[in-house]
Protein backbone atom coordinates (compact mmCIF):
# COMPACT_ATOMS: atom_id res chain seq x y z
CA UNK A 1 -25.88 -5.91 3.14
CA UNK A 2 -22.11 -6.26 3.35
CA UNK A 3 -20.92 -9.54 1.85
CA UNK A 4 -19.18 -12.46 3.56
CA UNK A 5 -15.48 -12.94 4.16
CA UNK A 6 -13.75 -14.88 1.39
CA UNK A 7 -10.52 -16.69 2.23
CA UNK A 8 -8.27 -16.82 -0.83
CA UNK A 9 -6.66 -20.20 -1.36
CA UNK A 10 -9.30 -22.09 0.63
CA UNK A 11 -12.98 -22.91 0.36
CA UNK A 12 -13.94 -21.65 3.83
CA UNK A 13 -16.45 -18.80 3.99
CA UNK A 14 -17.26 -16.96 7.23
CA UNK A 15 -19.99 -14.37 7.70
CA UNK A 16 -18.98 -11.23 9.59
CA UNK A 17 -21.10 -10.24 12.59
CA UNK A 18 -22.79 -6.83 12.61
CA UNK A 19 -20.31 -5.23 15.07
CA UNK A 20 -17.33 -6.26 12.90
CA UNK A 21 -19.03 -4.86 9.81
CA UNK A 22 -19.82 -1.55 11.50
CA UNK A 23 -16.25 -1.14 12.76
CA UNK A 24 -14.74 -1.90 9.36
CA UNK A 25 -17.10 0.44 7.58
CA UNK A 26 -16.17 3.23 10.01
CA UNK A 27 -12.49 2.69 9.10
CA UNK A 28 -13.34 2.70 5.40
CA UNK A 29 -15.44 5.86 5.78
CA UNK A 30 -12.45 7.76 7.19
CA UNK A 31 -10.34 7.21 4.07
CA UNK A 32 -10.26 10.25 1.77
CA UNK A 33 -11.47 8.18 -1.18
CA UNK A 34 -14.73 7.34 0.61
CA UNK A 35 -15.15 10.43 2.80
CA UNK A 36 -15.92 12.28 -0.45
CA UNK A 37 -19.11 10.22 -0.85
CA UNK A 38 -22.45 11.19 0.68
CA UNK A 39 -24.28 8.67 2.87
CA UNK A 40 -26.41 7.27 0.05
CA UNK A 41 -23.39 6.84 -2.24
CA UNK A 42 -21.37 5.22 0.53
CA UNK A 43 -24.13 2.70 1.23
CA UNK A 44 -24.15 1.72 -2.45
CA UNK A 45 -20.43 1.04 -2.27
CA UNK A 46 -20.80 -0.94 0.97
CA UNK A 47 -23.58 -3.13 -0.42
CA UNK A 48 -21.33 -4.37 -3.23
CA UNK A 49 -18.17 -4.71 -1.11
CA UNK A 50 -16.53 -7.92 0.11
CA UNK A 51 -14.04 -8.56 2.89
CA UNK A 52 -11.14 -10.81 1.88
CA UNK A 53 -8.58 -12.78 3.88
CA UNK A 54 -5.37 -13.26 1.90
CA UNK A 55 -2.72 -15.63 3.23
CA UNK A 56 0.96 -14.70 3.21
CA UNK A 57 2.53 -15.39 -0.19
CA UNK A 58 -0.79 -15.64 -2.03
CA UNK A 59 -1.44 -13.63 -5.19
CA UNK A 60 -4.40 -11.24 -5.07
CA UNK A 61 -4.31 -10.47 -8.79
CA UNK A 62 -1.92 -10.90 -11.69
CA UNK A 63 -0.53 -8.48 -14.27
CA UNK A 64 -2.88 -8.17 -17.29
CA UNK A 65 -5.74 -9.83 -15.40
CA UNK A 66 -9.14 -8.23 -16.06
CA UNK A 67 -9.84 -5.71 -13.30
CA UNK A 68 -13.24 -5.62 -11.64
CA UNK A 69 -12.27 -4.38 -8.17
CA UNK A 70 -9.95 -2.09 -6.28
CA UNK A 71 -8.95 -2.59 -2.65
CA UNK A 72 -8.66 -1.09 0.82
CA UNK A 73 -6.05 -2.82 2.96
CA UNK A 74 -7.22 -3.22 6.56
CA UNK A 75 -4.16 -5.05 7.89
CA UNK A 76 -0.99 -6.65 6.58
CA UNK A 77 1.31 -5.69 3.71
CA UNK A 78 0.85 -6.02 -0.06
CA UNK A 79 3.60 -5.96 -2.67
CA UNK A 80 2.84 -4.54 -6.12
CA UNK A 81 5.41 -5.70 -8.65
CA UNK A 82 6.13 -6.42 -12.31
CA UNK A 83 8.20 -9.16 -13.90
CA UNK A 84 10.70 -8.53 -16.68
CA UNK A 85 10.76 -10.80 -19.77
CA UNK A 86 13.78 -12.50 -18.16
CA UNK A 87 11.79 -13.19 -14.97
CA UNK A 88 13.37 -10.46 -12.84
CA UNK A 89 11.11 -8.84 -10.25
CA UNK A 90 10.76 -5.09 -9.74
CA UNK A 91 8.74 -3.89 -6.75
CA UNK A 92 6.62 -0.90 -7.81
CA UNK A 93 4.94 -0.07 -4.52
CA UNK A 94 4.49 -1.39 -0.99
CA UNK A 95 0.94 -1.05 0.32
CA UNK A 96 0.43 -0.63 4.05
CA UNK A 97 -2.66 -0.84 6.26
CA UNK A 98 -5.38 1.80 5.63
CA UNK A 99 -4.20 2.42 2.07
CA UNK A 100 -6.19 1.85 -1.13
CA UNK A 101 -4.69 0.52 -4.35
CA UNK A 102 -5.68 -0.26 -7.96
CA UNK A 103 -8.36 2.46 -7.94
CA UNK A 104 -6.78 4.25 -10.91
CA UNK A 105 -7.31 1.13 -13.05
CA UNK A 106 -11.03 1.88 -13.33
CA UNK A 107 -10.15 4.86 -15.56
CA UNK A 108 -7.66 2.99 -17.76
CA UNK A 109 -8.35 1.78 -21.28
CA UNK A 110 -8.95 -1.96 -21.31
CA UNK A 111 -9.19 -2.04 -17.52
CA UNK A 112 -6.57 -4.66 -16.66
CA UNK A 113 -4.20 -4.68 -13.69
CA UNK A 114 -0.78 -3.35 -14.78
CA UNK A 115 1.03 -5.12 -11.90
CA UNK A 116 0.91 -8.23 -9.75
CA UNK A 117 -0.31 -7.94 -6.13
CA UNK A 118 1.02 -10.41 -3.55
CA UNK A 119 0.57 -10.64 0.23
CA UNK A 120 3.80 -10.21 2.21
CA UNK A 121 1.95 -11.23 5.38
CA UNK A 122 -1.55 -12.41 6.25
CA UNK A 123 -3.85 -9.64 5.01
CA UNK A 124 -7.41 -8.48 5.41
CA UNK A 125 -8.83 -6.35 2.61
CA UNK A 126 -12.08 -4.78 1.53
CA UNK A 127 -12.81 -5.39 -2.14
CA UNK A 128 -14.61 -2.48 -3.86
CA UNK A 129 -16.60 -2.98 -7.06
CA UNK A 130 -15.12 -0.69 -9.74
CA UNK A 131 -18.30 -0.53 -11.82
CA UNK A 132 -20.39 0.60 -8.86
CA UNK A 133 -17.84 3.20 -7.75
CA UNK A 134 -17.30 4.59 -11.24
CA UNK A 135 -21.07 4.81 -11.76
CA UNK A 136 -21.30 7.10 -8.73
CA UNK A 137 -18.61 9.37 -10.15
CA UNK A 138 -20.32 9.57 -13.54
CA UNK A 139 -23.45 10.95 -11.86
CA UNK A 140 -21.76 13.43 -9.52
CA UNK A 141 -19.26 16.02 -10.75
CA UNK A 142 -18.67 17.20 -7.16
CA UNK A 143 -17.65 13.74 -6.03
CA UNK A 144 -15.52 13.27 -9.14
CA UNK A 145 -13.55 16.44 -8.37
CA UNK A 146 -12.89 15.29 -4.81
CA UNK A 147 -11.64 11.92 -6.04
CA UNK A 148 -9.51 13.65 -8.68
CA UNK A 149 -7.87 15.67 -5.90
CA UNK A 150 -7.03 12.47 -4.03
CA UNK A 151 -5.51 10.86 -7.12
CA UNK A 152 -3.54 14.01 -7.94
CA UNK A 153 -1.94 13.98 -4.49
CA UNK A 154 -1.03 10.33 -4.88
CA UNK A 155 0.43 10.98 -8.33
CA UNK A 156 2.51 13.83 -6.93
CA UNK A 157 3.90 11.50 -4.24
CA UNK A 158 4.78 8.87 -6.86
CA UNK A 159 6.50 11.46 -9.06
CA UNK A 160 8.54 12.57 -6.05
CA UNK A 161 9.57 8.96 -5.43
CA UNK A 162 10.61 8.57 -9.08
CA UNK A 163 12.79 11.67 -8.76
CA UNK A 164 14.42 10.23 -5.65
CA UNK A 165 15.07 6.91 -7.38
CA UNK A 166 16.62 8.58 -10.43
CA UNK A 167 18.53 11.46 -8.83
CA UNK A 168 19.71 10.15 -5.46
CA UNK A 169 22.35 7.57 -4.68
CA UNK A 170 21.57 4.32 -2.90
CA UNK A 171 22.43 5.61 0.57
CA UNK A 172 20.24 8.68 0.17
CA UNK A 173 17.31 6.56 -1.04
CA UNK A 174 17.65 4.32 2.01
CA UNK A 175 17.75 7.29 4.37
CA UNK A 176 14.72 8.87 2.69
CA UNK A 177 12.85 5.60 3.13
CA UNK A 178 13.69 5.50 6.85
CA UNK A 179 12.66 9.13 7.37
CA UNK A 180 9.31 8.56 5.64
CA UNK A 181 8.58 5.75 8.11
CA UNK A 182 8.98 8.05 11.13
CA UNK A 183 5.85 9.99 12.23
CA UNK A 184 6.19 13.76 12.66
CA UNK A 185 7.46 14.99 16.04
CA UNK A 186 8.65 11.53 17.06
CA UNK A 187 11.19 11.27 19.86
CA UNK A 188 14.36 9.20 19.69
CA UNK A 189 15.07 6.43 20.00
CA UNK A 190 12.18 5.46 17.70
CA UNK A 191 11.63 1.82 16.83
CA UNK A 192 10.41 0.51 13.48
CA UNK A 193 9.48 -3.09 12.77
CA UNK A 194 10.36 -4.72 9.44
CA UNK A 195 7.07 -6.10 8.11
CA UNK A 196 8.63 -6.48 4.68
CA UNK A 197 11.58 -8.74 3.70
CA UNK A 198 14.77 -6.78 3.16
CA UNK A 199 15.07 -8.16 -0.37
CA UNK A 200 11.69 -6.61 -1.22
CA UNK A 201 12.64 -3.28 0.34
CA UNK A 202 15.86 -3.29 -1.68
CA UNK A 203 13.90 -3.91 -4.89
CA UNK A 204 11.54 -1.06 -4.02
CA UNK A 205 14.54 1.24 -3.59
CA UNK A 206 16.16 -0.05 -6.81
CA UNK A 207 19.29 -1.29 -5.08
CA UNK A 208 20.81 -4.75 -4.62
CA UNK A 209 20.04 -6.57 -1.34
CA UNK A 210 23.75 -6.73 -0.46
CA UNK A 211 24.05 -2.96 -1.05
CA UNK A 212 21.02 -2.34 1.16
CA UNK A 213 22.58 -4.43 3.95
CA UNK A 214 25.91 -2.62 3.57
CA UNK A 215 24.22 0.79 3.84
CA UNK A 216 22.42 -0.27 7.02
CA UNK A 217 25.78 -1.39 8.43
CA UNK A 218 27.28 2.02 7.58
CA UNK A 219 24.42 3.83 9.31
CA UNK A 220 24.91 1.60 12.35
CA UNK A 221 28.62 2.41 12.43
CA UNK A 222 27.72 6.10 12.33
CA UNK A 223 25.43 5.43 15.33
CA UNK A 224 22.39 6.72 13.46
CA UNK A 225 20.43 3.47 13.67
CA UNK A 226 20.48 0.08 15.38
CA UNK A 227 19.23 -3.08 13.63
CA UNK A 228 18.15 -6.22 15.47
CA UNK A 229 16.32 -8.84 13.39
CA UNK A 230 13.00 -7.38 12.23
CA UNK A 231 13.45 -4.23 14.29
CA UNK A 232 15.32 -1.06 13.46
CA UNK A 233 15.85 1.64 16.06
CA UNK A 234 16.32 5.23 14.88
CA UNK A 235 18.92 6.74 17.20
CA UNK A 236 19.48 10.13 15.54
CA UNK A 237 16.76 11.60 13.34
CA UNK A 238 18.59 14.90 12.90
CA UNK A 239 21.71 13.02 11.88
CA UNK A 240 19.76 11.24 9.14
CA UNK A 241 18.22 14.53 8.03
CA UNK A 242 21.68 16.05 7.63
CA UNK A 243 22.16 13.81 4.57
CA UNK A 244 19.30 15.59 2.75
């Protein structure tokens, strides 16, 4: 059966009730990585899974730590980052709710995490055993091809982001970030909430925090957005798109 909740940074354990487990497994089942599995395979994954509570600021795993699990984020925000030899931090990716991460590590030589993972807010995650999941793939070429398709799409998205970071100026990168946050066919004004500190967002976009703030001010002066604390209101989507 599905394992107990583990609270990182404390010794408290709490067993999930059956209704909570069923709901969470339904959410997990909908993700493309697990929808590729048949019922028997999915049950094998579930039986070895754990639900984790991670407090804001706590480290989930460290760079070069031996990797035994990958994760599905139920709620909260996770920062994946690397540290330079001088101690500088570079944010590699921001993980949002209903996303998986670290799954590619199970195919890497040595199987260690290449980045650090830290909670930007209180998080709930499902921890998936890599050995169990990889064993399923080794015995099913059909499932392996489906998973390969998922990873290929994710790789394509990351390559596109790299192109944006290397070819676009800071203002364009900021605008692209804002546009990606807006669901298709959204009406204006559309409100976004900052779940991530602006310094982290600036690192993710490879710009200085003061530059990021200055660009937001410019977009406000152009009446394209409105910023109030942790909220940003998109006033003119088409105006932002004109920069593309």
